[in-house]
Amino acid sequence: RAPPSELARRPMKPWMQPMASSTAPPAAPGIGEECGDFKRGACFRASCKFLHGGKPASEAASAVANANGGAAGLPTPRAAGSFVAPDGLDVKLFDPTTGFGLFGTPVWGTRYGSTQPLPKIE
């Protein structure tokens, strides 16, 4: 280890230099910027620092809650429709109450009687 007098003569490393400060405080991140997640329909944070539709997220969230009776801003799932299990339904492949293919089987992602994959719900 070098003596203290030698340490004082060494140039200070750039990352050890004091940071320059300005008289104006730095701008708060997110002020005036639109939320990219919100634009894609993927931001549900009530405390988001970005704007949601031109309003702070807390105000936008309360407007959504008032518009849909306080429910979260998520889509409402649609019912799959009624299903009556036919005689001889293979219960090792299909759920007898819904008709959906069971996970881990070759028919997973289908419904009994359908030849196509389940439609994606937007």
Foldseek 3Di string as FASTA:
>chain_A
DDDPVVVVPDDDDPVVDDDDDDPDDDDDPQVPAADPCLVVVRDQDCCDSHDRPNHRSVVVQVVVCVVPVHDGPDDDDDDPDFDQADPPPDVVQAPRGFQAGDPPDPRHQHGPPDPDGDDDDD
